All heavy atoms as atom14 arrays in JSON, in Angstrom:
{
  "sequence": "TLPAGGYLVVFASAKDRRDPAGPLHANFQLSRAGEFLGLFSHELP",
  "atom14_mask": [
    [1, 1, 1, 1, 1, 1, 1, 0, 0, 0, 0, 0, 0, 0],
    [1, 1, 1, 1, 1, 1, 1, 1, 0, 0, 0, 0, 0, 0],
    [1, 1, 1, 1, 1, 1, 1, 0, 0, 0, 0, 0, 0, 0],
    [1, 1, 1, 1, 1, 0, 0, 0, 0, 0, 0, 0, 0, 0],
    [1, 1, 1, 1, 0, 0, 0, 0, 0, 0, 0, 0, 0, 0],
    [1, 1, 1, 1, 0, 0, 0, 0, 0, 0, 0, 0, 0, 0],
    [1, 1, 1, 1, 1, 1, 1, 1, 1, 1, 1, 1, 0, 0],
    [1, 1, 1, 1, 1, 1, 1, 1, 0, 0, 0, 0, 0, 0],
    [1, 1, 1, 1, 1, 1, 1, 0, 0, 0, 0, 0, 0, 0],
    [1, 1, 1, 1, 1, 1, 1, 0, 0, 0, 0, 0, 0, 0],
    [1, 1, 1, 1, 1, 1, 1, 1, 1, 1, 1, 0, 0, 0],
    [1, 1, 1, 1, 1, 0, 0, 0, 0, 0, 0, 0, 0, 0],
    [1, 1, 1, 1, 1, 1, 0, 0, 0, 0, 0, 0, 0, 0],
    [1, 1, 1, 1, 1, 0, 0, 0, 0, 0, 0, 0, 0, 0],
    [1, 1, 1, 1, 1, 1, 1, 1, 1, 0, 0, 0, 0, 0],
    [1, 1, 1, 1, 1, 1, 1, 1, 0, 0, 0, 0, 0, 0],
    [1, 1, 1, 1, 1, 1, 1, 1, 1, 1, 1, 0, 0, 0],
    [1, 1, 1, 1, 1, 1, 1, 1, 1, 1, 1, 0, 0, 0],
    [1, 1, 1, 1, 1, 1, 1, 1, 0, 0, 0, 0, 0, 0],
    [1, 1, 1, 1, 1, 1, 1, 0, 0, 0, 0, 0, 0, 0],
    [1, 1, 1, 1, 1, 0, 0, 0, 0, 0, 0, 0, 0, 0],
    [1, 1, 1, 1, 0, 0, 0, 0, 0, 0, 0, 0, 0, 0],
    [1, 1, 1, 1, 1, 1, 1, 0, 0, 0, 0, 0, 0, 0],
    [1, 1, 1, 1, 1, 1, 1, 1, 0, 0, 0, 0, 0, 0],
    [1, 1, 1, 1, 1, 1, 1, 1, 1, 1, 0, 0, 0, 0],
    [1, 1, 1, 1, 1, 0, 0, 0, 0, 0, 0, 0, 0, 0],
    [1, 1, 1, 1, 1, 1, 1, 1, 0, 0, 0, 0, 0, 0],
    [1, 1, 1, 1, 1, 1, 1, 1, 1, 1, 1, 0, 0, 0],
    [1, 1, 1, 1, 1, 1, 1, 1, 1, 0, 0, 0, 0, 0],
    [1, 1, 1, 1, 1, 1, 1, 1, 0, 0, 0, 0, 0, 0],
    [1, 1, 1, 1, 1, 1, 0, 0, 0, 0, 0, 0, 0, 0],
    [1, 1, 1, 1, 1, 1, 1, 1, 1, 1, 1, 0, 0, 0],
    [1, 1, 1, 1, 1, 0, 0, 0, 0, 0, 0, 0, 0, 0],
    [1, 1, 1, 1, 0, 0, 0, 0, 0, 0, 0, 0, 0, 0],
    [1, 1, 1, 1, 1, 1, 1, 1, 1, 0, 0, 0, 0, 0],
    [1, 1, 1, 1, 1, 1, 1, 1, 1, 1, 1, 0, 0, 0],
    [1, 1, 1, 1, 1, 1, 1, 1, 0, 0, 0, 0, 0, 0],
    [1, 1, 1, 1, 0, 0, 0, 0, 0, 0, 0, 0, 0, 0],
    [1, 1, 1, 1, 1, 1, 1, 1, 0, 0, 0, 0, 0, 0],
    [1, 1, 1, 1, 1, 1, 1, 1, 1, 1, 1, 0, 0, 0],
    [1, 1, 1, 1, 1, 1, 0, 0, 0, 0, 0, 0, 0, 0],
    [1, 1, 1, 1, 1, 1, 1, 1, 1, 1, 0, 0, 0, 0],
    [1, 1, 1, 1, 1, 1, 1, 1, 1, 0, 0, 0, 0, 0],
    [1, 1, 1, 1, 1, 1, 1, 1, 0, 0, 0, 0, 0, 0],
    [1, 1, 1, 1, 1, 1, 1, 0, 0, 0, 0, 0, 0, 0]
  ],
  "atom14_positions": [
    [[18.77, -12.85, -1.35], [19.91, -11.94, -1.05], [20.62, -11.5, -2.29], [20.95, -12.31, -3.14], [20.9, -12.61, -0.06], [20.21, -13.01, 1.12], [22.08, -11.7, 0.23], [0.0, 0.0, 0.0], [0.0, 0.0, 0.0], [0.0, 0.0, 0.0], [0.0, 0.0, 0.0], [0.0, 0.0, 0.0], [0.0, 0.0, 0.0], [0.0, 0.0, 0.0]],
    [[20.74, -10.17, -2.49], [21.35, -9.66, -3.66], [22.81, -9.37, -3.27], [23.02, -8.5, -2.44], [20.62, -8.44, -4.13], [20.92, -7.84, -5.47], [20.85, -8.91, -6.56], [19.99, -6.76, -5.76], [0.0, 0.0, 0.0], [0.0, 0.0, 0.0], [0.0, 0.0, 0.0], [0.0, 0.0, 0.0], [0.0, 0.0, 0.0], [0.0, 0.0, 0.0]],
    [[23.74, -10.08, -3.79], [25.18, -9.8, -3.47], [25.63, -8.42, -3.88], [25.01, -7.78, -4.72], [26.02, -10.87, -4.26], [25.05, -11.34, -5.35], [23.68, -11.04, -4.92], [0.0, 0.0, 0.0], [0.0, 0.0, 0.0], [0.0, 0.0, 0.0], [0.0, 0.0, 0.0], [0.0, 0.0, 0.0], [0.0, 0.0, 0.0], [0.0, 0.0, 0.0]],
    [[26.72, -7.97, -3.21], [27.27, -6.69, -3.66], [27.57, -6.65, -5.1], [28.17, -7.69, -5.64], [28.58, -6.43, -2.82], [0.0, 0.0, 0.0], [0.0, 0.0, 0.0], [0.0, 0.0, 0.0], [0.0, 0.0, 0.0], [0.0, 0.0, 0.0], [0.0, 0.0, 0.0], [0.0, 0.0, 0.0], [0.0, 0.0, 0.0], [0.0, 0.0, 0.0]],
    [[27.1, -5.64, -5.81], [27.34, -5.54, -7.27], [26.43, -6.42, -8.02], [26.49, -6.48, -9.26], [0.0, 0.0, 0.0], [0.0, 0.0, 0.0], [0.0, 0.0, 0.0], [0.0, 0.0, 0.0], [0.0, 0.0, 0.0], [0.0, 0.0, 0.0], [0.0, 0.0, 0.0], [0.0, 0.0, 0.0], [0.0, 0.0, 0.0], [0.0, 0.0, 0.0]],
    [[25.51, -7.23, -7.38], [24.69, -8.16, -8.06], [23.44, -7.52, -8.68], [23.08, -6.43, -8.4], [0.0, 0.0, 0.0], [0.0, 0.0, 0.0], [0.0, 0.0, 0.0], [0.0, 0.0, 0.0], [0.0, 0.0, 0.0], [0.0, 0.0, 0.0], [0.0, 0.0, 0.0], [0.0, 0.0, 0.0], [0.0, 0.0, 0.0], [0.0, 0.0, 0.0]],
    [[22.84, -8.32, -9.56], [21.61, -7.97, -10.28], [20.5, -8.98, -10.06], [20.79, -10.21, -9.84], [21.86, -7.96, -11.76], [22.87, -6.87, -12.16], [24.27, -7.12, -12.06], [22.43, -5.56, -12.5], [25.16, -6.21, -12.46], [23.36, -4.61, -12.9], [24.76, -4.9, -12.83], [25.69, -3.93, -13.14], [0.0, 0.0, 0.0], [0.0, 0.0, 0.0]],
    [[19.26, -8.54, -10.15], [18.07, -9.42, -9.97], [17.07, -8.98, -10.97], [16.66, -7.78, -10.95], [17.53, -9.43, -8.58], [16.27, -10.31, -8.35], [16.61, -11.77, -8.4], [15.57, -9.96, -7.06], [0.0, 0.0, 0.0], [0.0, 0.0, 0.0], [0.0, 0.0, 0.0], [0.0, 0.0, 0.0], [0.0, 0.0, 0.0], [0.0, 0.0, 0.0]],
    [[16.58, -9.86, -11.83], [15.6, -9.55, -12.8], [14.23, -10.1, -12.27], [14.1, -11.25, -11.78], [15.93, -10.2, -14.2], [14.75, -10.02, -15.14], [17.17, -9.6, -14.77], [0.0, 0.0, 0.0], [0.0, 0.0, 0.0], [0.0, 0.0, 0.0], [0.0, 0.0, 0.0], [0.0, 0.0, 0.0], [0.0, 0.0, 0.0], [0.0, 0.0, 0.0]],
    [[13.2, -9.26, -12.38], [11.83, -9.62, -12.03], [10.93, -9.29, -13.22], [10.92, -8.18, -13.7], [11.29, -8.85, -10.83], [9.83, -9.21, -10.51], [12.21, -9.13, -9.6], [0.0, 0.0, 0.0], [0.0, 0.0, 0.0], [0.0, 0.0, 0.0], [0.0, 0.0, 0.0], [0.0, 0.0, 0.0], [0.0, 0.0, 0.0], [0.0, 0.0, 0.0]],
    [[10.27, -10.3, -13.72], [9.44, -10.07, -14.94], [8.09, -9.52, -14.47], [7.45, -10.09, -13.52], [9.21, -11.4, -15.69], [10.44, -11.96, -16.24], [11.22, -12.87, -15.55], [10.98, -11.54, -17.52], [12.41, -13.4, -16.06], [12.12, -12.02, -18.02], [12.84, -12.93, -17.33], [0.0, 0.0, 0.0], [0.0, 0.0, 0.0], [0.0, 0.0, 0.0]],
    [[7.57, -8.53, -15.17], [6.25, -7.93, -14.89], [5.26, -8.64, -15.81], [4.75, -8.1, -16.69], [6.23, -6.48, -15.03], [0.0, 0.0, 0.0], [0.0, 0.0, 0.0], [0.0, 0.0, 0.0], [0.0, 0.0, 0.0], [0.0, 0.0, 0.0], [0.0, 0.0, 0.0], [0.0, 0.0, 0.0], [0.0, 0.0, 0.0], [0.0, 0.0, 0.0]],
    [[4.94, -9.87, -15.47], [4.13, -10.74, -16.3], [2.75, -11.02, -15.79], [1.96, -11.67, -16.39], [4.91, -12.08, -16.5], [4.95, -12.76, -15.26], [0.0, 0.0, 0.0], [0.0, 0.0, 0.0], [0.0, 0.0, 0.0], [0.0, 0.0, 0.0], [0.0, 0.0, 0.0], [0.0, 0.0, 0.0], [0.0, 0.0, 0.0], [0.0, 0.0, 0.0]],
    [[2.47, -10.61, -14.51], [1.2, -10.95, -13.79], [1.09, -12.4, -13.44], [0.04, -12.85, -13.13], [-0.05, -10.51, -14.53], [0.0, 0.0, 0.0], [0.0, 0.0, 0.0], [0.0, 0.0, 0.0], [0.0, 0.0, 0.0], [0.0, 0.0, 0.0], [0.0, 0.0, 0.0], [0.0, 0.0, 0.0], [0.0, 0.0, 0.0], [0.0, 0.0, 0.0]],
    [[2.21, -13.14, -13.42], [2.17, -14.55, -13.19], [2.34, -14.93, -11.6], [2.07, -15.93, -11.19], [3.22, -15.35, -13.96], [2.96, -15.34, -15.46], [4.01, -16.1, -16.19], [3.74, -16.08, -17.67], [4.79, -16.68, -18.44], [0.0, 0.0, 0.0], [0.0, 0.0, 0.0], [0.0, 0.0, 0.0], [0.0, 0.0, 0.0], [0.0, 0.0, 0.0]],
    [[2.88, -13.88, -10.88], [3.01, -14.01, -9.46], [3.75, -15.22, -8.99], [3.3, -16.09, -8.31], [1.66, -13.99, -8.73], [1.8, -13.74, -7.21], [2.95, -13.28, -6.78], [0.86, -13.99, -6.51], [0.0, 0.0, 0.0], [0.0, 0.0, 0.0], [0.0, 0.0, 0.0], [0.0, 0.0, 0.0], [0.0, 0.0, 0.0], [0.0, 0.0, 0.0]],
    [[5.07, -15.32, -9.46], [5.88, -16.41, -9.12], [7.08, -15.86, -8.23], [7.72, -14.98, -8.64], [6.57, -17.0, -10.39], [5.53, -17.65, -11.21], [6.09, -18.33, -12.49], [5.04, -18.88, -13.26], [5.18, -19.25, -14.56], [6.34, -19.05, -15.16], [4.15, -19.69, -15.2], [0.0, 0.0, 0.0], [0.0, 0.0, 0.0], [0.0, 0.0, 0.0]],
    [[7.12, -16.4, -7.04], [8.1, -15.93, -5.98], [9.12, -16.92, -5.52], [9.85, -16.71, -4.6], [7.33, -15.5, -4.74], [6.31, -14.43, -4.95], [5.45, -14.23, -3.75], [4.23, -13.62, -4.11], [3.94, -12.47, -3.68], [4.68, -11.7, -2.91], [2.71, -11.92, -4.04], [0.0, 0.0, 0.0], [0.0, 0.0, 0.0], [0.0, 0.0, 0.0]],
    [[9.19, -18.08, -6.24], [10.18, -19.04, -5.84], [11.58, -18.68, -6.27], [11.85, -18.5, -7.44], [9.78, -20.39, -6.59], [10.79, -21.54, -6.16], [11.75, -21.29, -5.44], [10.52, -22.64, -6.57], [0.0, 0.0, 0.0], [0.0, 0.0, 0.0], [0.0, 0.0, 0.0], [0.0, 0.0, 0.0], [0.0, 0.0, 0.0], [0.0, 0.0, 0.0]],
    [[12.38, -18.34, -5.3], [13.78, -17.84, -5.62], [14.63, -18.8, -6.44], [15.64, -18.41, -6.97], [14.37, -17.51, -4.3], [13.51, -18.01, -3.24], [12.2, -18.46, -3.87], [0.0, 0.0, 0.0], [0.0, 0.0, 0.0], [0.0, 0.0, 0.0], [0.0, 0.0, 0.0], [0.0, 0.0, 0.0], [0.0, 0.0, 0.0], [0.0, 0.0, 0.0]],
    [[14.16, -20.08, -6.49], [14.97, -21.02, -7.33], [14.7, -20.89, -8.79], [15.39, -21.44, -9.56], [14.63, -22.46, -6.81], [0.0, 0.0, 0.0], [0.0, 0.0, 0.0], [0.0, 0.0, 0.0], [0.0, 0.0, 0.0], [0.0, 0.0, 0.0], [0.0, 0.0, 0.0], [0.0, 0.0, 0.0], [0.0, 0.0, 0.0], [0.0, 0.0, 0.0]],
    [[13.66, -20.17, -9.12], [13.28, -19.99, -10.51], [13.21, -18.46, -10.9], [13.37, -17.64, -10.02], [0.0, 0.0, 0.0], [0.0, 0.0, 0.0], [0.0, 0.0, 0.0], [0.0, 0.0, 0.0], [0.0, 0.0, 0.0], [0.0, 0.0, 0.0], [0.0, 0.0, 0.0], [0.0, 0.0, 0.0], [0.0, 0.0, 0.0], [0.0, 0.0, 0.0]],
    [[12.8, -18.2, -12.08], [12.64, -16.74, -12.49], [11.52, -16.13, -11.7], [10.44, -16.82, -11.39], [12.25, -16.81, -13.95], [12.71, -18.2, -14.4], [12.66, -19.07, -13.24], [0.0, 0.0, 0.0], [0.0, 0.0, 0.0], [0.0, 0.0, 0.0], [0.0, 0.0, 0.0], [0.0, 0.0, 0.0], [0.0, 0.0, 0.0], [0.0, 0.0, 0.0]],
    [[11.67, -14.91, -11.28], [10.71, -14.21, -10.45], [9.74, -13.45, -11.4], [10.16, -12.82, -12.38], [11.32, -13.25, -9.48], [12.27, -13.89, -8.47], [12.91, -12.85, -7.64], [11.54, -14.86, -7.59], [0.0, 0.0, 0.0], [0.0, 0.0, 0.0], [0.0, 0.0, 0.0], [0.0, 0.0, 0.0], [0.0, 0.0, 0.0], [0.0, 0.0, 0.0]],
    [[8.41, -13.53, -11.05], [7.41, -12.84, -11.88], [6.49, -12.07, -10.93], [5.89, -12.69, -10.07], [6.56, -13.85, -12.68], [7.35, -14.54, -13.8], [7.21, -14.14, -15.12], [8.26, -15.5, -13.75], [7.96, -14.89, -15.87], [8.61, -15.71, -15.07], [0.0, 0.0, 0.0], [0.0, 0.0, 0.0], [0.0, 0.0, 0.0], [0.0, 0.0, 0.0]],
    [[6.4, -10.81, -11.15], [5.45, -9.97, -10.33], [4.02, -10.21, -10.72], [3.78, -10.82, -11.76], [5.81, -8.46, -10.53], [0.0, 0.0, 0.0], [0.0, 0.0, 0.0], [0.0, 0.0, 0.0], [0.0, 0.0, 0.0], [0.0, 0.0, 0.0], [0.0, 0.0, 0.0], [0.0, 0.0, 0.0], [0.0, 0.0, 0.0], [0.0, 0.0, 0.0]],
    [[3.13, -9.85, -9.79], [1.69, -10.05, -10.06], [1.02, -8.92, -10.81], [-0.16, -8.76, -10.78], [0.98, -10.27, -8.77], [1.05, -9.12, -7.82], [1.73, -8.12, -8.08], [0.37, -9.18, -6.62], [0.0, 0.0, 0.0], [0.0, 0.0, 0.0], [0.0, 0.0, 0.0], [0.0, 0.0, 0.0], [0.0, 0.0, 0.0], [0.0, 0.0, 0.0]],
    [[1.77, -8.22, -11.54], [1.25, -7.06, -12.35], [2.05, -6.98, -13.69], [3.09, -7.57, -13.78], [1.33, -5.76, -11.64], [2.69, -5.27, -11.18], [3.52, -4.59, -12.04], [3.16, -5.58, -9.98], [4.8, -4.18, -11.69], [4.42, -5.21, -9.53], [5.22, -4.49, -10.36], [0.0, 0.0, 0.0], [0.0, 0.0, 0.0], [0.0, 0.0, 0.0]],
    [[1.46, -6.3, -14.69], [2.17, -6.08, -15.92], [2.33, -4.58, -16.05], [1.68, -3.78, -15.43], [1.31, -6.56, -17.1], [1.2, -8.12, -17.12], [0.35, -8.6, -18.32], [-0.76, -8.1, -18.47], [0.85, -9.54, -19.01], [0.0, 0.0, 0.0], [0.0, 0.0, 0.0], [0.0, 0.0, 0.0], [0.0, 0.0, 0.0], [0.0, 0.0, 0.0]],
    [[3.29, -4.22, -16.92], [3.59, -2.83, -17.16], [3.21, -2.37, -18.59], [3.23, -3.17, -19.53], [5.12, -2.6, -16.97], [5.65, -2.81, -15.62], [7.18, -2.69, -15.61], [5.05, -1.86, -14.6], [0.0, 0.0, 0.0], [0.0, 0.0, 0.0], [0.0, 0.0, 0.0], [0.0, 0.0, 0.0], [0.0, 0.0, 0.0], [0.0, 0.0, 0.0]],
    [[2.8, -1.2, -18.67], [2.37, -0.59, -19.97], [3.62, -0.14, -20.69], [4.46, 0.46, -20.21], [1.45, 0.59, -19.75], [1.21, 1.31, -20.9], [0.0, 0.0, 0.0], [0.0, 0.0, 0.0], [0.0, 0.0, 0.0], [0.0, 0.0, 0.0], [0.0, 0.0, 0.0], [0.0, 0.0, 0.0], [0.0, 0.0, 0.0], [0.0, 0.0, 0.0]],
    [[3.55, -0.47, -22.06], [4.62, 0.07, -22.89], [4.63, 1.54, -22.96], [5.63, 2.13, -23.25], [4.39, -0.6, -24.34], [5.47, -0.21, -25.26], [5.26, -0.83, -26.59], [6.26, -0.41, -27.53], [6.93, -1.21, -28.31], [6.7, -2.57, -28.35], [7.89, -0.77, -29.06], [0.0, 0.0, 0.0], [0.0, 0.0, 0.0], [0.0, 0.0, 0.0]],
    [[3.44, 2.16, -22.79], [3.28, 3.61, -22.9], [3.86, 4.31, -21.67], [4.03, 5.55, -21.74], [1.81, 3.98, -23.08], [0.0, 0.0, 0.0], [0.0, 0.0, 0.0], [0.0, 0.0, 0.0], [0.0, 0.0, 0.0], [0.0, 0.0, 0.0], [0.0, 0.0, 0.0], [0.0, 0.0, 0.0], [0.0, 0.0, 0.0], [0.0, 0.0, 0.0]],
    [[4.1, 3.67, -20.59], [4.6, 4.26, -19.31], [3.57, 4.28, -18.3], [2.32, 4.47, -18.56], [0.0, 0.0, 0.0], [0.0, 0.0, 0.0], [0.0, 0.0, 0.0], [0.0, 0.0, 0.0], [0.0, 0.0, 0.0], [0.0, 0.0, 0.0], [0.0, 0.0, 0.0], [0.0, 0.0, 0.0], [0.0, 0.0, 0.0], [0.0, 0.0, 0.0]],
    [[4.0, 4.12, -17.09], [3.07, 4.24, -15.85], [3.94, 4.3, -14.68], [5.16, 4.21, -14.71], [2.13, 3.05, -15.82], [2.82, 1.71, -15.57], [1.82, 0.55, -15.52], [1.12, 0.44, -14.48], [1.82, -0.27, -16.38], [0.0, 0.0, 0.0], [0.0, 0.0, 0.0], [0.0, 0.0, 0.0], [0.0, 0.0, 0.0], [0.0, 0.0, 0.0]],
    [[3.3, 4.46, -13.48], [4.0, 4.47, -12.23], [4.68, 3.11, -12.01], [4.17, 2.03, -12.35], [3.06, 4.73, -11.09], [3.74, 4.68, -9.69], [4.29, 5.77, -9.2], [3.71, 3.46, -9.04], [4.95, 5.73, -7.93], [4.29, 3.42, -7.75], [4.97, 4.54, -7.25], [0.0, 0.0, 0.0], [0.0, 0.0, 0.0], [0.0, 0.0, 0.0]],
    [[5.83, 3.15, -11.44], [6.57, 1.94, -11.02], [7.48, 2.33, -9.85], [8.17, 3.38, -9.86], [7.49, 1.41, -12.19], [8.24, 0.15, -11.76], [7.47, -1.0, -11.39], [9.24, -0.17, -12.96], [0.0, 0.0, 0.0], [0.0, 0.0, 0.0], [0.0, 0.0, 0.0], [0.0, 0.0, 0.0], [0.0, 0.0, 0.0], [0.0, 0.0, 0.0]],
    [[7.32, 1.49, -8.8], [8.17, 1.82, -7.59], [8.73, 0.64, -6.91], [8.14, -0.49, -6.94], [0.0, 0.0, 0.0], [0.0, 0.0, 0.0], [0.0, 0.0, 0.0], [0.0, 0.0, 0.0], [0.0, 0.0, 0.0], [0.0, 0.0, 0.0], [0.0, 0.0, 0.0], [0.0, 0.0, 0.0], [0.0, 0.0, 0.0], [0.0, 0.0, 0.0]],
    [[9.89, 0.82, -6.27], [10.48, -0.14, -5.4], [10.37, 0.45, -4.0], [10.72, 1.59, -3.74], [12.03, -0.35, -5.67], [12.83, -1.15, -4.69], [12.4, -2.58, -4.68], [14.32, -1.05, -5.04], [0.0, 0.0, 0.0], [0.0, 0.0, 0.0], [0.0, 0.0, 0.0], [0.0, 0.0, 0.0], [0.0, 0.0, 0.0], [0.0, 0.0, 0.0]],
    [[9.78, -0.36, -3.09], [9.43, 0.07, -1.76], [10.19, -0.71, -0.69], [10.39, -1.89, -0.85], [7.99, -0.07, -1.49], [7.13, 1.0, -2.35], [6.75, 0.59, -3.62], [6.84, 2.19, -1.86], [6.07, 1.4, -4.43], [6.11, 3.07, -2.61], [5.71, 2.72, -3.91], [0.0, 0.0, 0.0], [0.0, 0.0, 0.0], [0.0, 0.0, 0.0]],
    [[10.65, -0.04, 0.4], [11.3, -0.63, 1.5], [10.54, -1.64, 2.2], [9.23, -1.65, 2.08], [11.86, 0.45, 2.43], [10.69, 1.08, 3.06], [0.0, 0.0, 0.0], [0.0, 0.0, 0.0], [0.0, 0.0, 0.0], [0.0, 0.0, 0.0], [0.0, 0.0, 0.0], [0.0, 0.0, 0.0], [0.0, 0.0, 0.0], [0.0, 0.0, 0.0]],
    [[11.21, -2.41, 3.05], [10.46, -3.51, 3.82], [9.85, -2.88, 5.13], [9.02, -3.53, 5.74], [11.46, -4.65, 4.15], [12.57, -4.22, 5.05], [13.66, -3.52, 4.59], [12.72, -4.37, 6.35], [14.43, -3.31, 5.58], [13.95, -3.82, 6.68], [0.0, 0.0, 0.0], [0.0, 0.0, 0.0], [0.0, 0.0, 0.0], [0.0, 0.0, 0.0]],
    [[10.26, -1.64, 5.55], [9.74, -1.14, 6.78], [8.28, -0.66, 6.57], [7.84, -0.34, 5.48], [10.53, 0.13, 7.21], [11.93, -0.1, 7.5], [12.84, 0.26, 6.36], [12.35, 0.81, 5.4], [14.02, -0.05, 6.42], [0.0, 0.0, 0.0], [0.0, 0.0, 0.0], [0.0, 0.0, 0.0], [0.0, 0.0, 0.0], [0.0, 0.0, 0.0]],
    [[7.51, -0.65, 7.64], [6.11, -0.2, 7.62], [6.08, 1.13, 8.28], [6.56, 1.27, 9.48], [5.16, -1.17, 8.15], [5.13, -2.53, 7.48], [4.19, -3.53, 8.13], [4.58, -2.31, 6.01], [0.0, 0.0, 0.0], [0.0, 0.0, 0.0], [0.0, 0.0, 0.0], [0.0, 0.0, 0.0], [0.0, 0.0, 0.0], [0.0, 0.0, 0.0]],
    [[5.44, 2.17, 7.82], [4.85, 2.16, 6.43], [5.98, 2.13, 5.46], [7.05, 2.68, 5.65], [4.08, 3.45, 6.46], [4.73, 4.38, 7.42], [5.35, 3.46, 8.45], [0.0, 0.0, 0.0], [0.0, 0.0, 0.0], [0.0, 0.0, 0.0], [0.0, 0.0, 0.0], [0.0, 0.0, 0.0], [0.0, 0.0, 0.0], [0.0, 0.0, 0.0]]
  ]
}
């Protein structure tokens, strides 16, 4: 849960760590040169 006014950092490290008790790491890495990046809602589609 992200509180009102709160921040959440997710590292794009390809480590795939989802334990909310520790730092979050996505399962992909980002290019320094730029690429697509998106935040998507929980609804399907």
